[in-house]
Amino acid sequence: MADNVIRVCAQADVAPESVQAFDVGDRRLAVFQIGGHFFITDDECTHASASLADGMLDGDVIECAVHMGAFHVPTGAVKAPPCAVALRTYKVLLQGDDIYVNLDRDAAGEPA
């Protein structure tokens, strides 16, 4: 399968230690800048239909604003209930001043 790489936004669109949501094709993705690194996950909490970009970012953990479940941003691992299903992560590619996402690979670069 060919990699599915799409431009998401400019790096300047995501302030340090923050998260912003962007529509990319038929998906809504959350782009995080943490410690000078960018991470991309699905924006929707796996527990309830809520935007993670509306949540509270604490270090590398995002807490959902609806039920306070939490995920480790770099890996998508569940950090707090009621969430039980890991968050989908994506491989980030930086090109010039822009952020691209590989929709066919997870954050570790493994096929999705």
PDB file of N, CA and C in Angstrom:
ATOM      1  N   MET A   1       0.852  -1.178   0.000  1.00  0.00           N
ATOM      2  CA  MET A   1       0.000   0.000   0.000  1.00  0.00           C
ATOM      3  C   MET A   1       0.896   1.238   0.000  1.00  0.00           C
ATOM      4  N   ALA A   2       0.627   2.182  -0.868  1.00  0.00           N
ATOM      5  CA  ALA A   2       1.386   3.431  -0.914  1.00  0.00           C
ATOM      6  C   ALA A   2       1.033   4.292   0.287  1.00  0.00           C
ATOM      7  N   ASP A   3       2.034   5.021   0.777  1.00  0.00           N
ATOM      8  CA  ASP A   3       1.783   5.896   1.919  1.00  0.00           C
ATOM      9  C   ASP A   3       0.878   7.047   1.508  1.00  0.00           C
ATOM     10  N   ASN A   4       0.021   7.438   2.421  1.00  0.00           N
ATOM     11  CA  ASN A   4      -0.991   8.462   2.201  1.00  0.00           C
ATOM     12  C   ASN A   4      -0.578   9.708   2.985  1.00  0.00           C
ATOM     13  N   VAL A   5       0.286  10.554   2.380  1.00  0.00           N
ATOM     14  CA  VAL A   5       0.843  11.725   3.052  1.00  0.00           C
ATOM     15  C   VAL A   5       0.093  12.977   2.610  1.00  0.00           C
ATOM     16  N   ILE A   6      -0.397  13.736   3.615  1.00  0.00           N
ATOM     17  CA  ILE A   6      -1.216  14.919   3.356  1.00  0.00           C
ATOM     18  C   ILE A   6      -0.744  16.070   4.234  1.00  0.00           C
ATOM     19  N   ARG A   7      -0.728  17.276   3.686  1.00  0.00           N
ATOM     20  CA  ARG A   7      -0.399  18.467   4.480  1.00  0.00           C
ATOM     21  C   ARG A   7      -1.534  18.743   5.461  1.00  0.00           C
ATOM     22  N   VAL A   8      -1.168  19.039   6.716  1.00  0.00           N
ATOM     23  CA  VAL A   8      -2.160  19.326   7.745  1.00  0.00           C
ATOM     24  C   VAL A   8      -2.225  20.827   8.021  1.00  0.00           C
ATOM     25  N   CYS A   9      -1.063  21.455   8.273  1.00  0.00           N
ATOM     26  CA  CYS A   9      -1.040  22.856   8.656  1.00  0.00           C
ATOM     27  C   CYS A   9       0.402  23.355   8.642  1.00  0.00           C
ATOM     28  N   ALA A  10       0.576  24.632   8.935  1.00  0.00           N
ATOM     29  CA  ALA A  10       1.911  25.192   9.135  1.00  0.00           C
ATOM     30  C   ALA A  10       2.331  24.921  10.575  1.00  0.00           C
ATOM     31  N   GLN A  11       3.620  24.756  10.817  1.00  0.00           N
ATOM     32  CA  GLN A  11       4.103  24.550  12.179  1.00  0.00           C
ATOM     33  C   GLN A  11       3.691  25.713  13.082  1.00  0.00           C
ATOM     34  N   ALA A  12       3.664  26.912  12.536  1.00  0.00           N
ATOM     35  CA  ALA A  12       3.302  28.108  13.310  1.00  0.00           C
ATOM     36  C   ALA A  12       1.842  28.096  13.759  1.00  0.00           C
ATOM     37  N   ASP A  13       1.020  27.232  13.162  1.00  0.00           N
ATOM     38  CA  ASP A  13      -0.398  27.158  13.539  1.00  0.00           C
ATOM     39  C   ASP A  13      -0.627  26.469  14.888  1.00  0.00           C
ATOM     40  N   VAL A  14       0.396  25.806  15.404  1.00  0.00           N
ATOM     41  CA  VAL A  14       0.270  25.081  16.675  1.00  0.00           C
ATOM     42  C   VAL A  14       1.297  25.642  17.657  1.00  0.00           C
ATOM     43  N   ALA A  15       0.816  26.379  18.633  1.00  0.00           N
ATOM     44  CA  ALA A  15       1.694  27.012  19.619  1.00  0.00           C
ATOM     45  C   ALA A  15       2.376  25.942  20.477  1.00  0.00           C
ATOM     46  N   PRO A  16       3.543  26.267  21.044  1.00  0.00           N
ATOM     47  CA  PRO A  16       4.211  25.325  21.942  1.00  0.00           C
ATOM     48  C   PRO A  16       3.303  24.928  23.110  1.00  0.00           C
ATOM     49  N   GLU A  17       3.370  23.653  23.476  1.00  0.00           N
ATOM     50  CA  GLU A  17       2.622  23.091  24.605  1.00  0.00           C
ATOM     51  C   GLU A  17       1.113  23.281  24.428  1.00  0.00           C
ATOM     52  N   SER A  18       0.640  23.034  23.207  1.00  0.00           N
ATOM     53  CA  SER A  18      -0.787  23.185  22.911  1.00  0.00           C
ATOM     54  C   SER A  18      -1.235  22.134  21.907  1.00  0.00           C
ATOM     55  N   VAL A  19      -2.547  22.148  21.633  1.00  0.00           N
ATOM     56  CA  VAL A  19      -3.161  21.245  20.665  1.00  0.00           C
ATOM     57  C   VAL A  19      -4.176  22.031  19.848  1.00  0.00           C
ATOM     58  N   GLN A  20      -4.256  21.721  18.563  1.00  0.00           N
ATOM     59  CA  GLN A  20      -5.225  22.327  17.653  1.00  0.00           C
ATOM     60  C   GLN A  20      -5.829  21.217  16.798  1.00  0.00           C
ATOM     61  N   ALA A  21      -7.100  21.344  16.467  1.00  0.00           N
ATOM     62  CA  ALA A  21      -7.773  20.375  15.593  1.00  0.00           C
ATOM     63  C   ALA A  21      -7.810  20.906  14.164  1.00  0.00           C
ATOM     64  N   PHE A  22      -7.645  19.989  13.210  1.00  0.00           N
ATOM     65  CA  PHE A  22      -7.686  20.326  11.785  1.00  0.00           C
ATOM     66  C   PHE A  22      -8.451  19.250  11.040  1.00  0.00           C
ATOM     67  N   ASP A  23      -9.222  19.659  10.032  1.00  0.00           N
ATOM     68  CA  ASP A  23      -9.896  18.712   9.146  1.00  0.00           C
ATOM     69  C   ASP A  23      -8.926  18.344   8.034  1.00  0.00           C
ATOM     70  N   VAL A  24      -8.715  17.042   7.864  1.00  0.00           N
ATOM     71  CA  VAL A  24      -7.814  16.526   6.834  1.00  0.00           C
ATOM     72  C   VAL A  24      -8.587  15.462   6.077  1.00  0.00           C
ATOM     73  N   GLY A  25      -9.038  15.811   4.890  1.00  0.00           N
ATOM     74  CA  GLY A  25      -9.894  14.902   4.147  1.00  0.00           C
ATOM     75  C   GLY A  25     -11.162  14.662   4.936  1.00  0.00           C
ATOM     76  N   ASP A  26     -11.497  13.389   5.175  1.00  0.00           N
ATOM     77  CA  ASP A  26     -12.713  13.064   5.935  1.00  0.00           C
ATOM     78  C   ASP A  26     -12.418  12.825   7.422  1.00  0.00           C
ATOM     79  N   ARG A  27     -11.218  13.180   7.857  1.00  0.00           N
ATOM     80  CA  ARG A  27     -10.831  12.987   9.260  1.00  0.00           C
ATOM     81  C   ARG A  27     -10.635  14.320   9.965  1.00  0.00           C
ATOM     82  N   ARG A  28     -10.845  14.311  11.276  1.00  0.00           N
ATOM     83  CA  ARG A  28     -10.516  15.455  12.126  1.00  0.00           C
ATOM     84  C   ARG A  28      -9.358  15.002  13.015  1.00  0.00           C
ATOM     85  N   LEU A  29      -8.219  15.676  12.851  1.00  0.00           N
ATOM     86  CA  LEU A  29      -7.008  15.294  13.558  1.00  0.00           C
ATOM     87  C   LEU A  29      -6.623  16.346  14.583  1.00  0.00           C
ATOM     88  N   ALA A  30      -5.993  15.896  15.664  1.00  0.00           N
ATOM     89  CA  ALA A  30      -5.448  16.789  16.681  1.00  0.00           C
ATOM     90  C   ALA A  30      -3.933  16.846  16.482  1.00  0.00           C
ATOM     91  N   VAL A  31      -3.402  18.072  16.383  1.00  0.00           N
ATOM     92  CA  VAL A  31      -1.968  18.267  16.238  1.00  0.00           C
ATOM     93  C   VAL A  31      -1.458  18.894  17.529  1.00  0.00           C
ATOM     94  N   PHE A  32      -0.484  18.249  18.135  1.00  0.00           N
ATOM     95  CA  PHE A  32       0.095  18.685  19.399  1.00  0.00           C
ATOM     96  C   PHE A  32       1.519  19.169  19.167  1.00  0.00           C
ATOM     97  N   GLN A  33       1.919  20.206  19.912  1.00  0.00           N
ATOM     98  CA  GLN A  33       3.334  20.561  19.980  1.00  0.00           C
ATOM     99  C   GLN A  33       3.727  20.443  21.456  1.00  0.00           C
ATOM    100  N   ILE A  34       4.597  19.466  21.739  1.00  0.00           N
ATOM    101  CA  ILE A  34       5.010  19.177  23.108  1.00  0.00           C
ATOM    102  C   ILE A  34       6.532  19.090  23.147  1.00  0.00           C
ATOM    103  N   GLY A  35       7.144  19.949  23.942  1.00  0.00           N
ATOM    104  CA  GLY A  35       8.602  19.910  24.072  1.00  0.00           C
ATOM    105  C   GLY A  35       9.328  20.110  22.762  1.00  0.00           C
ATOM    106  N   GLY A  36       8.743  20.903  21.865  1.00  0.00           N
ATOM    107  CA  GLY A  36       9.367  21.167  20.571  1.00  0.00           C
ATOM    108  C   GLY A  36       9.128  20.096  19.522  1.00  0.00           C
ATOM    109  N   HIS A  37       8.369  19.062  19.869  1.00  0.00           N
ATOM    110  CA  HIS A  37       8.046  17.990  18.920  1.00  0.00           C
ATOM    111  C   HIS A  37       6.560  18.023  18.593  1.00  0.00           C
ATOM    112  N   PHE A  38       6.237  17.598  17.367  1.00  0.00           N
ATOM    113  CA  PHE A  38       4.842  17.553  16.933  1.00  0.00           C
ATOM    114  C   PHE A  38       4.340  16.118  16.950  1.00  0.00           C
ATOM    115  N   PHE A  39       3.080  15.959  17.342  1.00  0.00           N
ATOM    116  CA  PHE A  39       2.404  14.670  17.382  1.00  0.00           C
ATOM    117  C   PHE A  39       1.020  14.851  16.765  1.00  0.00           C
ATOM    118  N   ILE A  40       0.514  13.799  16.125  1.00  0.00           N
ATOM    119  CA  ILE A  40      -0.820  13.844  15.535  1.00  0.00           C
ATOM    120  C   ILE A  40      -1.590  12.603  15.969  1.00  0.00           C
ATOM    121  N   THR A  41      -2.827  12.832  16.417  1.00  0.00           N
ATOM    122  CA  THR A  41      -3.739  11.752  16.788  1.00  0.00           C
ATOM    123  C   THR A  41      -5.101  12.055  16.180  1.00  0.00           C
ATOM    124  N   ASP A  42      -6.016  11.086  16.274  1.00  0.00           N
ATOM    125  CA  ASP A  42      -7.409  11.409  15.987  1.00  0.00           C
ATOM    126  C   ASP A  42      -7.833  12.461  17.007  1.00  0.00           C
ATOM    127  N   ASP A  43      -8.739  13.337  16.631  1.00  0.00           N
ATOM    128  CA  ASP A  43      -9.209  14.371  17.555  1.00  0.00           C
ATOM    129  C   ASP A  43     -10.315  13.862  18.458  1.00  0.00           C
ATOM    130  N   GLU A  44     -11.005  12.823  18.055  1.00  0.00           N
ATOM    131  CA  GLU A  44     -12.157  12.345  18.825  1.00  0.00           C
ATOM    132  C   GLU A  44     -11.737  11.355  19.908  1.00  0.00           C
ATOM    133  N   CYS A  45     -12.184  11.593  21.117  1.00  0.00           N
ATOM    134  CA  CYS A  45     -11.955  10.685  22.235  1.00  0.00           C
ATOM    135  C   CYS A  45     -12.541   9.316  21.888  1.00  0.00           C
ATOM    136  N   THR A  46     -11.848   8.251  22.281  1.00  0.00           N
ATOM    137  CA  THR A  46     -12.341   6.905  21.977  1.00  0.00           C
ATOM    138  C   THR A  46     -13.472   6.473  22.897  1.00  0.00           C
ATOM    139  N   HIS A  47     -13.729   7.214  23.954  1.00  0.00           N
ATOM    140  CA  HIS A  47     -14.799   6.877  24.894  1.00  0.00           C
ATOM    141  C   HIS A  47     -16.125   7.516  24.506  1.00  0.00           C
ATOM    142  N   ALA A  48     -16.079   8.792  24.135  1.00  0.00           N
ATOM    143  CA  ALA A  48     -17.299   9.525  23.781  1.00  0.00           C
ATOM    144  C   ALA A  48     -16.976  10.477  22.650  1.00  0.00           C
ATOM    145  N   SER A  49     -17.962  10.928  21.974  1.00  0.00           N
ATOM    146  CA  SER A  49     -17.769  11.836  20.845  1.00  0.00           C
ATOM    147  C   SER A  49     -17.452  13.231  21.354  1.00  0.00           C
ATOM    148  N   ALA A  50     -16.174  13.462  21.623  1.00  0.00           N
ATOM    149  CA  ALA A  50     -15.715  14.750  22.134  1.00  0.00           C
ATOM    150  C   ALA A  50     -14.378  15.086  21.505  1.00  0.00           C
ATOM    151  N   SER A  51     -14.147  16.363  21.232  1.00  0.00           N
ATOM    152  CA  SER A  51     -12.889  16.821  20.648  1.00  0.00           C
ATOM    153  C   SER A  51     -11.796  16.870  21.708  1.00  0.00           C
ATOM    154  N   LEU A  52     -10.700  16.178  21.441  1.00  0.00           N
ATOM    155  CA  LEU A  52      -9.574  16.233  22.372  1.00  0.00           C
ATOM    156  C   LEU A  52      -8.891  17.595  22.344  1.00  0.00           C
ATOM    157  N   ALA A  53      -9.016  18.310  21.237  1.00  0.00           N
ATOM    158  CA  ALA A  53      -8.434  19.657  21.168  1.00  0.00           C
ATOM    159  C   ALA A  53      -9.103  20.602  22.156  1.00  0.00           C
ATOM    160  N   ASP A  54     -10.299  20.247  22.630  1.00  0.00           N
ATOM    161  CA  ASP A  54     -10.989  21.039  23.653  1.00  0.00           C
ATOM    162  C   ASP A  54     -10.584  20.615  25.061  1.00  0.00           C
ATOM    163  N   GLY A  55      -9.744  19.592  25.165  1.00  0.00           N
ATOM    164  CA  GLY A  55      -9.341  19.056  26.460  1.00  0.00           C
ATOM    165  C   GLY A  55      -8.184  19.809  27.075  1.00  0.00           C
ATOM    166  N   MET A  56      -7.657  19.256  28.167  1.00  0.00           N
ATOM    167  CA  MET A  56      -6.562  19.862  28.913  1.00  0.00           C
ATOM    168  C   MET A  56      -5.278  19.075  28.650  1.00  0.00           C
ATOM    169  N   LEU A  57      -4.272  19.771  28.128  1.00  0.00           N
ATOM    170  CA  LEU A  57      -2.974  19.160  27.874  1.00  0.00           C
ATOM    171  C   LEU A  57      -2.094  19.367  29.100  1.00  0.00           C
ATOM    172  N   ASP A  58      -1.610  18.274  29.674  1.00  0.00           N
ATOM    173  CA  ASP A  58      -0.744  18.326  30.852  1.00  0.00           C
ATOM    174  C   ASP A  58       0.514  17.527  30.526  1.00  0.00           C
ATOM    175  N   GLY A  59       1.576  18.220  30.143  1.00  0.00           N
ATOM    176  CA  GLY A  59       2.776  17.532  29.682  1.00  0.00           C
ATOM    177  C   GLY A  59       2.470  16.802  28.399  1.00  0.00           C
ATOM    178  N   ASP A  60       2.670  15.476  28.399  1.00  0.00           N
ATOM    179  CA  ASP A  60       2.375  14.694  27.192  1.00  0.00           C
ATOM    180  C   ASP A  60       1.101  13.862  27.337  1.00  0.00           C
ATOM    181  N   VAL A  61       0.205  14.313  28.226  1.00  0.00           N
ATOM    182  CA  VAL A  61      -1.078  13.639  28.426  1.00  0.00           C
ATOM    183  C   VAL A  61      -2.212  14.608  28.107  1.00  0.00           C
ATOM    184  N   ILE A  62      -3.168  14.149  27.300  1.00  0.00           N
ATOM    185  CA  ILE A  62      -4.353  14.952  26.980  1.00  0.00           C
ATOM    186  C   ILE A  62      -5.539  14.362  27.727  1.00  0.00           C
ATOM    187  N   GLU A  63      -6.252  15.236  28.430  1.00  0.00           N
ATOM    188  CA  GLU A  63      -7.436  14.823  29.185  1.00  0.00           C
ATOM    189  C   GLU A  63      -8.674  15.314  28.453  1.00  0.00           C
ATOM    190  N   CYS A  64      -9.600  14.407  28.189  1.00  0.00           N
ATOM    191  CA  CYS A  64     -10.846  14.748  27.514  1.00  0.00           C
ATOM    192  C   CYS A  64     -11.689  15.653  28.410  1.00  0.00           C
ATOM    193  N   ALA A  65     -12.269  16.676  27.831  1.00  0.00           N
ATOM    194  CA  ALA A  65     -13.059  17.652  28.589  1.00  0.00           C
ATOM    195  C   ALA A  65     -14.424  17.101  29.017  1.00  0.00           C
ATOM    196  N   VAL A  66     -14.893  16.010  28.411  1.00  0.00           N
ATOM    197  CA  VAL A  66     -16.232  15.517  28.713  1.00  0.00           C
ATOM    198  C   VAL A  66     -16.261  14.604  29.939  1.00  0.00           C
ATOM    199  N   HIS A  67     -15.458  13.527  29.923  1.00  0.00           N
ATOM    200  CA  HIS A  67     -15.503  12.561  31.029  1.00  0.00           C
ATOM    201  C   HIS A  67     -14.161  12.420  31.745  1.00  0.00           C
ATOM    202  N   MET A  68     -13.204  13.262  31.424  1.00  0.00           N
ATOM    203  CA  MET A  68     -11.891  13.315  32.066  1.00  0.00           C
ATOM    204  C   MET A  68     -11.014  12.086  31.838  1.00  0.00           C
ATOM    205  N   GLY A  69     -11.346  11.276  30.852  1.00  0.00           N
ATOM    206  CA  GLY A  69     -10.436  10.197  30.458  1.00  0.00           C
ATOM    207  C   GLY A  69      -9.188  10.825  29.868  1.00  0.00           C
ATOM    208  N   ALA A  70      -8.081  10.081  29.833  1.00  0.00           N
ATOM    209  CA  ALA A  70      -6.833  10.675  29.364  1.00  0.00           C
ATOM    210  C   ALA A  70      -6.018   9.684  28.534  1.00  0.00           C
ATOM    211  N   PHE A  71      -5.175  10.259  27.660  1.00  0.00           N
ATOM    212  CA  PHE A  71      -4.316   9.486  26.762  1.00  0.00           C
ATOM    213  C   PHE A  71      -2.904  10.048  26.775  1.00  0.00           C
ATOM    214  N   HIS A  72      -1.920   9.160  26.606  1.00  0.00           N
ATOM    215  CA  HIS A  72      -0.527   9.554  26.406  1.00  0.00           C
ATOM    216  C   HIS A  72      -0.399   9.933  24.932  1.00  0.00           C
ATOM    217  N   VAL A  73      -0.103  11.192  24.660  1.00  0.00           N
ATOM    218  CA  VAL A  73      -0.125  11.697  23.282  1.00  0.00           C
ATOM    219  C   VAL A  73       0.865  10.964  22.365  1.00  0.00           C
ATOM    220  N   PRO A  74       2.135  10.778  22.739  1.00  0.00           N
ATOM    221  CA  PRO A  74       3.065  10.136  21.799  1.00  0.00           C
ATOM    222  C   PRO A  74       2.699   8.712  21.397  1.00  0.00           C
ATOM    223  N   THR A  75       2.046   7.962  22.276  1.00  0.00           N
ATOM    224  CA  THR A  75       1.744   6.557  21.966  1.00  0.00           C
ATOM    225  C   THR A  75       0.260   6.274  21.793  1.00  0.00           C
ATOM    226  N   GLY A  76      -0.600   7.166  22.287  1.00  0.00           N
ATOM    227  CA  GLY A  76      -2.038   6.941  22.240  1.00  0.00           C
ATOM    228  C   GLY A  76      -2.540   6.049  23.362  1.00  0.00           C
ATOM    229  N   ALA A  77      -1.658   5.602  24.247  1.00  0.00           N
ATOM    230  CA  ALA A  77      -2.049   4.703  25.332  1.00  0.00           C
ATOM    231  C   ALA A  77      -3.028   5.374  26.286  1.00  0.00           C
ATOM    232  N   VAL A  78      -3.981   4.594  26.777  1.00  0.00           N
ATOM    233  CA  VAL A  78      -4.949   5.095  27.754  1.00  0.00           C
ATOM    234  C   VAL A  78      -4.219   5.364  29.066  1.00  0.00           C
ATOM    235  N   LYS A  79      -4.473   6.543  29.659  1.00  0.00           N
ATOM    236  CA  LYS A  79      -3.864   6.911  30.935  1.00  0.00           C
ATOM    237  C   LYS A  79      -4.881   7.022  32.061  1.00  0.00           C
ATOM    238  N   ALA A  80      -6.158   7.174  31.743  1.00  0.00           N
ATOM    239  CA  ALA A  80      -7.180   7.295  32.788  1.00  0.00           C
ATOM    240  C   ALA A  80      -8.538   6.868  32.238  1.00  0.00           C
ATOM    241  N   PRO A  81      -9.324   6.171  33.078  1.00  0.00           N
ATOM    242  CA  PRO A  81     -10.677   5.804  32.680  1.00  0.00           C
ATOM    243  C   PRO A  81     -11.566   7.045  32.673  1.00  0.00           C
ATOM    244  N   PRO A  82     -12.689   7.008  32.006  1.00  0.00           N
ATOM    245  CA  PRO A  82     -13.354   5.813  31.507  1.00  0.00           C
ATOM    246  C   PRO A  82     -12.857   5.329  30.147  1.00  0.00           C
ATOM    247  N   CYS A  83     -11.827   5.956  29.603  1.00  0.00           N
ATOM    248  CA  CYS A  83     -11.302   5.498  28.319  1.00  0.00           C
ATOM    249  C   CYS A  83     -10.706   4.102  28.485  1.00  0.00           C
ATOM    250  N   ALA A  84     -10.953   3.240  27.496  1.00  0.00           N
ATOM    251  CA  ALA A  84     -10.436   1.875  27.531  1.00  0.00           C
ATOM    252  C   ALA A  84      -9.753   1.501  26.216  1.00  0.00           C
ATOM    253  N   VAL A  85     -10.031   2.244  25.147  1.00  0.00           N
ATOM    254  CA  VAL A  85      -9.465   1.968  23.831  1.00  0.00           C
ATOM    255  C   VAL A  85      -8.409   3.024  23.533  1.00  0.00           C
ATOM    256  N   ALA A  86      -7.223   2.582  23.107  1.00  0.00           N
ATOM    257  CA  ALA A  86      -6.127   3.499  22.796  1.00  0.00           C
ATOM    258  C   ALA A  86      -6.527   4.480  21.693  1.00  0.00           C
ATOM    259  N   LEU A  87      -5.898   5.620  21.722  1.00  0.00           N
ATOM    260  CA  LEU A  87      -6.104   6.677  20.736  1.00  0.00           C
ATOM    261  C   LEU A  87      -5.231   6.398  19.520  1.00  0.00           C
ATOM    262  N   ARG A  88      -5.773   6.565  18.341  1.00  0.00           N
ATOM    263  CA  ARG A  88      -5.023   6.356  17.086  1.00  0.00           C
ATOM    264  C   ARG A  88      -4.006   7.464  16.907  1.00  0.00           C
ATOM    265  N   THR A  89      -2.744   7.095  16.676  1.00  0.00           N
ATOM    266  CA  THR A  89      -1.679   8.055  16.401  1.00  0.00           C
ATOM    267  C   THR A  89      -1.278   7.962  14.933  1.00  0.00           C
ATOM    268  N   TYR A  90      -0.592   9.002  14.456  1.00  0.00           N
ATOM    269  CA  TYR A  90      -0.157   9.052  13.060  1.00  0.00           C
ATOM    270  C   TYR A  90       1.298   9.511  12.987  1.00  0.00           C
ATOM    271  N   LYS A  91       1.988   9.075  11.948  1.00  0.00           N
ATOM    272  CA  LYS A  91       3.366   9.512  11.705  1.00  0.00           C
ATOM    273  C   LYS A  91       3.359  10.954  11.217  1.00  0.00           C
ATOM    274  N   VAL A  92       4.200  11.769  11.847  1.00  0.00           N
ATOM    275  CA  VAL A  92       4.338  13.187  11.503  1.00  0.00           C
ATOM    276  C   VAL A  92       5.556  13.362  10.611  1.00  0.00           C
ATOM    277  N   LEU A  93       5.406  14.181   9.583  1.00  0.00           N
ATOM    278  CA  LEU A  93       6.514  14.548   8.707  1.00  0.00           C
ATOM    279  C   LEU A  93       6.583  16.064   8.651  1.00  0.00           C
ATOM    280  N   LEU A  94       7.758  16.607   8.904  1.00  0.00           N
ATOM    281  CA  LEU A  94       7.962  18.057   8.807  1.00  0.00           C
ATOM    282  C   LEU A  94       8.686  18.333   7.506  1.00  0.00           C
ATOM    283  N   GLN A  95       8.099  19.232   6.701  1.00  0.00           N
ATOM    284  CA  GLN A  95       8.710  19.619   5.426  1.00  0.00           C
ATOM    285  C   GLN A  95       8.663  21.128   5.342  1.00  0.00           C
ATOM    286  N   GLY A  96       9.842  21.757   5.362  1.00  0.00           N
ATOM    287  CA  GLY A  96       9.891  23.215   5.393  1.00  0.00           C
ATOM    288  C   GLY A  96       9.228  23.694   6.670  1.00  0.00           C
ATOM    289  N   ASP A  97       8.265  24.603   6.532  1.00  0.00           N
ATOM    290  CA  ASP A  97       7.536  25.135   7.684  1.00  0.00           C
ATOM    291  C   ASP A  97       6.198  24.428   7.900  1.00  0.00           C
ATOM    292  N   ASP A  98       5.957  23.346   7.181  1.00  0.00           N
ATOM    293  CA  ASP A  98       4.661  22.678   7.227  1.00  0.00           C
ATOM    294  C   ASP A  98       4.711  21.338   7.955  1.00  0.00           C
ATOM    295  N   ILE A  99       3.532  20.922   8.418  1.00  0.00           N
ATOM    296  CA  ILE A  99       3.353  19.626   9.064  1.00  0.00           C
ATOM    297  C   ILE A  99       2.517  18.755   8.135  1.00  0.00           C
ATOM    298  N   TYR A 100       3.023  17.561   7.856  1.00  0.00           N
ATOM    299  CA  TYR A 100       2.312  16.576   7.052  1.00  0.00           C
ATOM    300  C   TYR A 100       2.037  15.355   7.920  1.00  0.00           C
ATOM    301  N   VAL A 101       1.005  14.616   7.558  1.00  0.00           N
ATOM    302  CA  VAL A 101       0.664  13.389   8.266  1.00  0.00           C
ATOM    303  C   VAL A 101       0.679  12.240   7.268  1.00  0.00           C
ATOM    304  N   ASN A 102       1.191  11.098   7.726  1.00  0.00           N
ATOM    305  CA  ASN A 102       1.107   9.867   6.951  1.00  0.00           C
ATOM    306  C   ASN A 102      -0.041   9.065   7.542  1.00  0.00           C
ATOM    307  N   LEU A 103      -1.156   9.046   6.853  1.00  0.00           N
ATOM    308  CA  LEU A 103      -2.359   8.390   7.355  1.00  0.00           C
ATOM    309  C   LEU A 103      -2.256   6.869   7.350  1.00  0.00           C
ATOM    310  N   ASP A 104      -1.223   6.314   6.706  1.00  0.00           N
ATOM    311  CA  ASP A 104      -1.045   4.867   6.640  1.00  0.00           C
ATOM    312  C   ASP A 104      -0.073   4.334   7.696  1.00  0.00           C
ATOM    313  N   ARG A 105       0.499   5.237   8.518  1.00  0.00           N
ATOM    314  CA  ARG A 105       1.501   4.826   9.507  1.00  0.00           C
ATOM    315  C   ARG A 105       1.146   5.410  10.871  1.00  0.00           C
ATOM    316  N   ASP A 106       1.454   4.652  11.941  1.00  0.00           N
ATOM    317  CA  ASP A 106       1.245   5.195  13.271  1.00  0.00           C
ATOM    318  C   ASP A 106       2.460   6.036  13.681  1.00  0.00           C
ATOM    319  N   ALA A 107       2.438   6.608  14.871  1.00  0.00           N
ATOM    320  CA  ALA A 107       3.496   7.508  15.311  1.00  0.00           C
ATOM    321  C   ALA A 107       4.861   6.840  15.308  1.00  0.00           C
ATOM    322  N   ALA A 108       4.912   5.532  15.527  1.00  0.00           N
ATOM    323  CA  ALA A 108       6.174   4.794  15.534  1.00  0.00           C
ATOM    324  C   ALA A 108       6.633   4.432  14.125  1.00  0.00           C
ATOM    325  N   GLY A 109       5.820   4.767  13.115  1.00  0.00           N
ATOM    326  CA  GLY A 109       6.176   4.470  11.730  1.00  0.00           C
ATOM    327  C   GLY A 109       5.716   3.112  11.251  1.00  0.00           C
ATOM    328  N   GLU A 110       4.985   2.396  12.097  1.00  0.00           N
ATOM    329  CA  GLU A 110       4.466   1.075  11.734  1.00  0.00           C
ATOM    330  C   GLU A 110       3.205   1.199  10.877  1.00  0.00           C
ATOM    331  N   PRO A 111       2.965   0.254   9.975  1.00  0.00           N
ATOM    332  CA  PRO A 111       1.728   0.307   9.185  1.00  0.00           C
ATOM    333  C   PRO A 111       0.503   0.322  10.097  1.00  0.00           C
ATOM    334  N   ALA A 112      -0.469   1.140   9.723  1.00  0.00           N
ATOM    335  CA  ALA A 112      -1.676   1.275  10.536  1.00  0.00           C
ATOM    336  C   ALA A 112      -2.693   0.220  10.165  1.00  0.00           C
TER     337      ALA A 112
END
